Protein backbone atom coordinates (compact mmCIF):
# COMPACT_ATOMS: atom_id res chain seq x y z
CA MET A 1 -4.61 -18.84 14.43
CA MET A 2 -1.28 -17.19 14.13
CA LYS A 3 0.22 -17.73 17.53
CA ASN A 4 4.04 -17.34 17.29
CA LYS A 5 3.85 -15.92 13.73
CA ILE A 6 5.67 -12.64 13.15
CA CYS A 7 4.21 -10.08 10.56
CA LEU A 8 5.57 -6.88 9.30
CA VAL A 9 2.95 -4.27 8.12
CA THR A 10 4.02 -1.20 6.31
CA GLY A 11 1.58 1.69 6.40
CA ALA A 12 0.03 0.44 9.64
CA ASN A 13 -0.70 3.78 11.14
CA THR A 14 -4.01 4.46 9.84
CA GLY A 15 -6.80 2.91 7.40
CA ILE A 16 -6.15 -0.52 5.95
CA GLY A 17 -2.77 -1.00 7.54
CA LEU A 18 -3.98 -0.29 10.98
CA ALA A 19 -7.10 -2.53 10.55
CA THR A 20 -4.58 -5.15 9.10
CA ALA A 21 -2.52 -5.02 12.24
CA ILE A 22 -5.28 -5.29 14.61
CA ALA A 23 -6.81 -8.33 12.81
CA LEU A 24 -3.57 -10.07 12.85
CA CYS A 25 -3.12 -9.33 16.39
CA MET A 26 -6.49 -10.51 17.14
CA LYS A 27 -5.41 -13.86 15.47
CA GLY A 28 -2.34 -14.04 18.00
CA ALA A 29 0.49 -12.85 15.61
CA ARG A 30 3.22 -10.50 16.73
CA VAL A 31 2.91 -7.54 14.54
CA ILE A 32 5.78 -5.18 13.75
CA VAL A 33 4.41 -1.78 12.70
CA ALA A 34 6.58 -0.07 10.01
CA SER A 35 6.32 3.81 10.40
CA ARG A 36 8.15 6.79 9.30
CA SER A 37 8.75 7.98 12.99
CA LYS A 38 8.84 6.50 16.33
CA GLU A 39 6.33 9.01 17.50
CA LYS A 40 3.72 7.76 14.89
CA ALA A 41 4.71 4.06 15.68
CA MET A 42 4.13 4.52 19.25
CA GLY A 43 0.75 6.05 18.74
CA THR A 44 -0.14 3.16 16.68
CA MET A 45 0.75 0.68 19.14
CA GLU A 46 -1.01 2.62 21.74
CA ALA A 47 -4.18 2.63 19.60
CA ILE A 48 -4.00 -1.06 19.07
CA ARG A 49 -3.50 -1.77 22.70
CA GLU A 50 -6.65 0.24 23.71
CA GLU A 51 -8.58 -2.36 21.81
CA LEU A 52 -6.35 -5.39 22.37
CA PRO A 53 -4.28 -4.72 25.70
CA HIS A 54 -2.19 -7.93 25.34
CA ALA A 55 -1.20 -7.45 21.59
CA GLU A 56 2.30 -8.45 20.81
CA LEU A 57 3.74 -5.45 18.99
CA ASP A 58 7.12 -4.03 17.98
CA TYR A 59 8.02 -1.32 15.51
CA ALA A 60 10.48 -0.53 12.63
CA LEU A 61 11.29 2.74 11.29
CA ALA A 62 11.60 4.03 7.64
CA ASP A 63 10.48 6.58 5.26
CA LEU A 64 9.59 4.23 2.51
CA SER A 65 10.49 7.04 -0.24
CA SER A 66 14.13 6.62 0.76
CA GLN A 67 16.09 3.47 -0.42
CA LYS A 68 18.56 4.31 2.08
CA GLN A 69 16.13 4.16 4.95
CA ILE A 70 14.48 0.92 3.77
CA ARG A 71 17.97 -0.80 3.83
CA GLU A 72 18.61 0.42 7.26
CA MET A 73 15.23 -0.60 8.62
CA ALA A 74 15.97 -4.08 6.98
CA ALA A 75 19.38 -4.36 8.49
CA VAL A 76 17.84 -3.64 12.04
CA LEU A 77 15.18 -6.31 11.75
CA LYS A 78 17.77 -8.68 10.46
CA ASN A 79 19.72 -8.14 13.66
CA THR A 80 16.51 -8.18 15.76
CA TYR A 81 14.56 -11.33 14.30
CA SER A 82 15.76 -14.78 13.17
CA ASN A 83 12.69 -15.11 10.83
CA LEU A 84 9.71 -13.37 9.20
CA ASP A 85 6.54 -15.23 8.56
CA VAL A 86 4.54 -12.50 6.60
CA LEU A 87 5.44 -9.29 4.96
CA ILE A 88 2.59 -7.10 4.19
CA ASN A 89 3.61 -4.41 1.54
CA ASN A 90 0.59 -2.20 2.48
CA ALA A 91 1.85 1.42 2.61
CA GLY A 92 0.64 3.53 -0.44
CA ALA A 93 0.65 7.14 -1.51
CA TRP A 94 -1.19 9.44 -4.06
CA PHE A 95 0.16 12.78 -5.09
CA SER A 96 -1.69 15.29 -7.26
CA GLU A 97 1.59 17.09 -8.11
CA PHE A 98 4.90 15.86 -9.64
CA GLY A 99 7.71 15.45 -7.15
CA LEU A 100 10.94 13.57 -6.80
CA THR A 101 12.31 11.52 -3.89
CA GLU A 102 15.92 11.96 -2.52
CA ASP A 103 16.81 9.26 -4.97
CA GLY A 104 15.44 11.26 -7.95
CA ILE A 105 12.24 9.02 -8.54
CA GLU A 106 8.82 10.03 -8.69
CA ARG A 107 7.17 9.58 -5.37
CA GLN A 108 4.35 7.34 -6.24
CA TRP A 109 6.62 4.83 -8.21
CA ALA A 110 9.12 5.06 -5.32
CA ILE A 111 6.65 4.44 -2.46
CA ASN A 112 4.00 2.30 -4.16
CA HIS A 113 6.25 -0.01 -6.24
CA LEU A 114 10.02 0.27 -5.60
CA ALA A 115 9.75 0.24 -1.77
CA PRO A 116 7.83 -3.22 -1.78
CA PHE A 117 10.27 -4.48 -4.50
CA LEU A 118 13.46 -3.41 -2.34
CA LEU A 119 11.99 -4.26 1.05
CA THR A 120 11.00 -7.72 0.03
CA GLN A 121 14.49 -8.47 -1.42
CA GLN A 122 16.03 -7.02 1.59
CA LEU A 123 14.06 -9.08 4.00
CA LEU A 124 14.22 -12.42 2.01
CA PRO A 125 17.02 -13.80 4.41
CA LEU A 126 14.25 -13.55 7.32
CA LEU A 127 11.49 -14.86 5.15
CA SER A 128 13.45 -17.69 3.91
CA GLN A 129 13.86 -18.95 7.65
CA ALA A 130 9.95 -19.11 8.12
CA GLU A 131 8.21 -22.42 7.66
CA ASP A 132 5.52 -20.90 5.32
CA PRO A 133 6.62 -17.42 4.43
CA ARG A 134 4.20 -15.12 2.78
CA ILE A 135 4.52 -11.70 0.75
CA ILE A 136 1.37 -9.81 0.26
CA THR A 137 1.47 -6.59 -1.82
CA VAL A 138 -1.68 -4.32 -1.83
CA SER A 139 -2.34 -3.22 -5.38
CA SER A 140 -5.75 -1.85 -6.75
CA ASP A 141 -8.13 -2.30 -9.53
CA SER A 142 -6.72 0.96 -10.67
CA HIS A 143 -4.15 -1.22 -12.26
CA PHE A 144 -6.74 -2.01 -15.02
CA HIS A 145 -6.24 1.58 -16.24
CA GLY A 146 -2.52 1.36 -16.18
CA LYS A 147 0.45 0.84 -18.40
CA ILE A 148 4.25 0.94 -17.58
CA HIS A 149 5.83 3.94 -19.31
CA PHE A 150 9.21 2.13 -19.44
CA ASP A 151 10.84 5.23 -21.41
CA ASP A 152 9.60 7.59 -18.43
CA VAL A 153 8.47 5.67 -15.49
CA ASN A 154 8.77 9.13 -13.70
CA LEU A 155 6.25 10.49 -15.95
CA SER A 156 8.41 13.60 -15.96
CA GLN A 157 7.16 14.59 -19.45
CA ASN A 158 3.52 13.91 -18.96
CA TYR A 159 2.55 13.69 -15.04
CA HIS A 160 -0.89 13.16 -13.65
CA GLY A 161 -1.61 11.71 -10.33
CA LEU A 162 -4.09 9.10 -11.40
CA ARG A 163 -1.74 8.10 -14.30
CA ALA A 164 1.17 7.54 -11.92
CA TYR A 165 -1.10 5.76 -9.40
CA ALA A 166 -2.31 3.28 -12.07
CA GLN A 167 1.14 2.54 -13.27
CA SER A 168 2.34 1.81 -9.72
CA LYS A 169 -0.43 -0.44 -8.93
CA LEU A 170 0.00 -2.27 -12.18
CA ALA A 171 3.69 -2.64 -11.14
CA ASN A 172 2.53 -4.31 -8.02
CA VAL A 173 0.65 -7.08 -10.00
CA LEU A 174 3.55 -7.49 -12.38
CA PHE A 175 6.06 -7.74 -9.37
CA THR A 176 4.18 -10.45 -7.71
CA ARG A 177 3.93 -12.39 -11.00
CA GLU A 178 7.53 -12.15 -11.77
CA PHE A 179 8.54 -12.93 -8.22
CA GLU A 180 6.69 -16.20 -8.50
CA ARG A 181 8.42 -17.00 -11.75
CA ARG A 182 11.99 -16.21 -10.52
CA LYS A 183 12.09 -17.28 -6.93
CA THR A 184 14.69 -19.77 -5.70
CA VAL A 185 13.13 -20.70 -2.39
CA PRO A 186 9.82 -22.77 -3.48
CA LYS A 187 8.00 -22.14 -0.07
CA LEU A 188 7.99 -18.45 -0.48
CA SER A 189 4.45 -17.30 -1.60
CA SER A 190 3.49 -13.94 -3.08
CA TYR A 191 0.17 -12.45 -3.52
CA ALA A 192 -1.16 -9.28 -5.05
CA VAL A 193 -4.33 -7.79 -3.33
CA GLN A 194 -7.29 -5.50 -4.36
CA PRO A 195 -8.72 -4.00 -1.09
CA GLY A 196 -11.52 -2.24 -3.05
CA LEU A 197 -12.67 1.32 -2.60
CA VAL A 198 -12.08 2.07 1.07
CA LYS A 199 -12.82 5.04 3.18
CA THR A 200 -9.31 6.24 3.87
CA ASP A 201 -7.41 9.42 3.64
CA ILE A 202 -5.25 8.50 0.73
CA GLY A 203 -6.67 11.01 -1.42
CA LEU A 204 -6.52 13.89 1.01
CA LYS A 205 -2.83 13.86 2.29
CA HIS A 206 -1.07 15.28 -0.79
CA THR A 207 -3.60 16.52 -2.99
CA LEU A 208 -4.95 19.63 -4.57
CA SER A 209 -8.18 20.96 -2.92
CA LEU A 210 -10.18 19.81 -5.97
CA HIS A 211 -8.77 16.35 -6.03
CA GLY A 212 -9.43 16.18 -2.21
CA LEU A 213 -13.00 17.03 -2.63
CA ALA A 214 -13.42 14.56 -5.45
CA TRP A 215 -11.93 11.80 -3.18
CA LYS A 216 -14.16 12.80 -0.27
CA ILE A 217 -17.28 12.41 -2.43
CA ARG A 218 -16.04 9.23 -4.05
CA ARG A 219 -15.06 7.52 -0.72
CA LEU A 220 -18.61 7.99 0.67
CA GLY A 221 -19.50 4.83 -1.45
CA GLY A 222 -16.41 2.96 0.16
CA LYS A 223 -16.08 0.10 2.40
CA SER A 224 -14.54 0.33 6.00
CA PRO A 225 -10.88 -0.22 6.46
CA GLU A 226 -11.85 -3.48 8.33
CA LYS A 227 -13.37 -4.83 5.20
CA GLY A 228 -10.57 -3.45 3.03
CA ALA A 229 -8.33 -5.58 5.12
CA GLU A 230 -9.99 -8.76 4.98
CA THR A 231 -8.24 -10.24 2.01
CA SER A 232 -4.81 -9.39 3.13
CA VAL A 233 -5.56 -11.02 6.51
CA TYR A 234 -7.09 -13.95 4.88
CA LEU A 235 -3.87 -14.40 2.64
CA ALA A 236 -1.52 -14.00 5.72
CA SER A 237 -3.44 -16.73 7.90
CA SER A 238 -5.36 -19.11 5.93
CA GLU A 239 -4.01 -22.63 5.18
CA GLU A 240 -6.22 -22.89 2.21
CA VAL A 241 -3.94 -20.70 0.10
CA ARG A 242 -0.72 -21.95 1.17
CA GLY A 243 1.57 -22.14 -1.86
CA ILE A 244 -1.18 -20.73 -4.28
CA SER A 245 1.33 -18.23 -5.25
CA GLY A 246 1.70 -15.47 -8.00
CA GLY A 247 -1.94 -14.30 -8.24
CA TYR A 248 -4.03 -11.32 -7.91
CA TRP A 249 -6.85 -11.48 -5.16
CA ASP A 250 -10.06 -9.75 -4.53
CA LYS A 251 -12.73 -10.65 -1.81
CA CYS A 252 -10.60 -13.56 -0.62
CA LYS A 253 -10.67 -15.20 -4.12
CA GLN A 254 -8.27 -15.22 -6.96
CA LYS A 255 -9.23 -12.72 -9.71
CA LYS A 256 -8.17 -12.26 -13.33
CA PRO A 257 -5.89 -9.30 -13.57
CA SER A 258 -5.70 -6.79 -16.55
CA ASN A 259 -4.26 -7.76 -19.82
CA ASN A 260 -1.24 -5.60 -19.40
CA ALA A 261 -0.74 -7.29 -15.84
CA ALA A 262 -0.62 -10.66 -17.84
CA SER A 263 2.41 -9.54 -20.01
CA SER A 264 5.14 -11.78 -19.49
CA SER A 265 7.58 -9.64 -21.33
CA ASP A 266 6.50 -6.39 -19.40
CA ALA A 267 6.82 -8.35 -16.12
CA ALA A 268 10.38 -9.32 -17.07
CA ARG A 269 11.35 -5.87 -18.17
CA LEU A 270 9.96 -4.26 -15.11
CA TRP A 271 11.89 -6.64 -13.07
CA GLU A 272 15.07 -5.68 -14.53
CA LEU A 273 14.36 -1.84 -14.43
CA SER A 274 13.49 -2.13 -10.94
CA LYS A 275 16.59 -3.77 -9.95
CA GLU A 276 18.51 -1.03 -11.79
CA MET A 277 16.59 1.72 -9.98
CA CYS A 278 17.23 0.03 -6.59
CA GLY A 279 20.85 -0.94 -7.30
CA ILE A 280 20.40 -4.47 -6.86
CA ASP A 281 22.62 -6.90 -8.74
CA THR A 282 21.37 -10.39 -7.55
CA TYR A 283 17.58 -10.21 -6.22
CA PHE A 284 17.79 -13.82 -4.89
CA GLU A 285 20.72 -15.24 -3.21
CA GLY A 286 22.07 -18.45 -4.68
């Protein structure tokens, strides 16, 4: 059980994130729902309390495409809480068409990779105060089709939604691997997760009509959000995985990632590029 554990879940409004939040509440955790707006957050908490009337819930607000808002949300959390036991970087996006964030960064790269990279760094002071802190970043087997386009991670010269998504999901695995190598607090555990093909709306929200139709057909063979959340919940709560850090997980077991995800040089290069894009001088204090 997770009584007295504090967990932050990004992208908790729908799909896998909502299922993850509910499952953690069922285990007794206090769950902080990270949302873009108070209205969405309150709606999510109301939905959870319909199922679990005594769920311990809080919310935090940020548009994860904005580095300014990520920093502001982290500052509020650091003023509110003395520790954080689990951070689940679950939020993800898929865009058919090329677009830039307010920071001038391609949207999938910003939301799917840089947001977890920056939010994790911003919350390290809280995570470091927990007894058994865990960082779970939701990736995908799409990373097997990905490569990091270091000369143009925005893909401004050659954008395709699937190419951008695969790149961002590969970055999640490389981030988890490099975090493990560089961390200065040994008790910090990090995991990258493959939720599987899940019946969510990720392929419908910001897509061309043809792409939306393709996703509707593809997701017919998918699993429920509850099944998709199982590995994240397992990694957040199980004593068995304590300290087994830096790997890629699928169906509650470690899984060999792609060859590109096993590249130490790419992991180190991506780390430095991500620090630069987020304006971070020192990722770990001390």
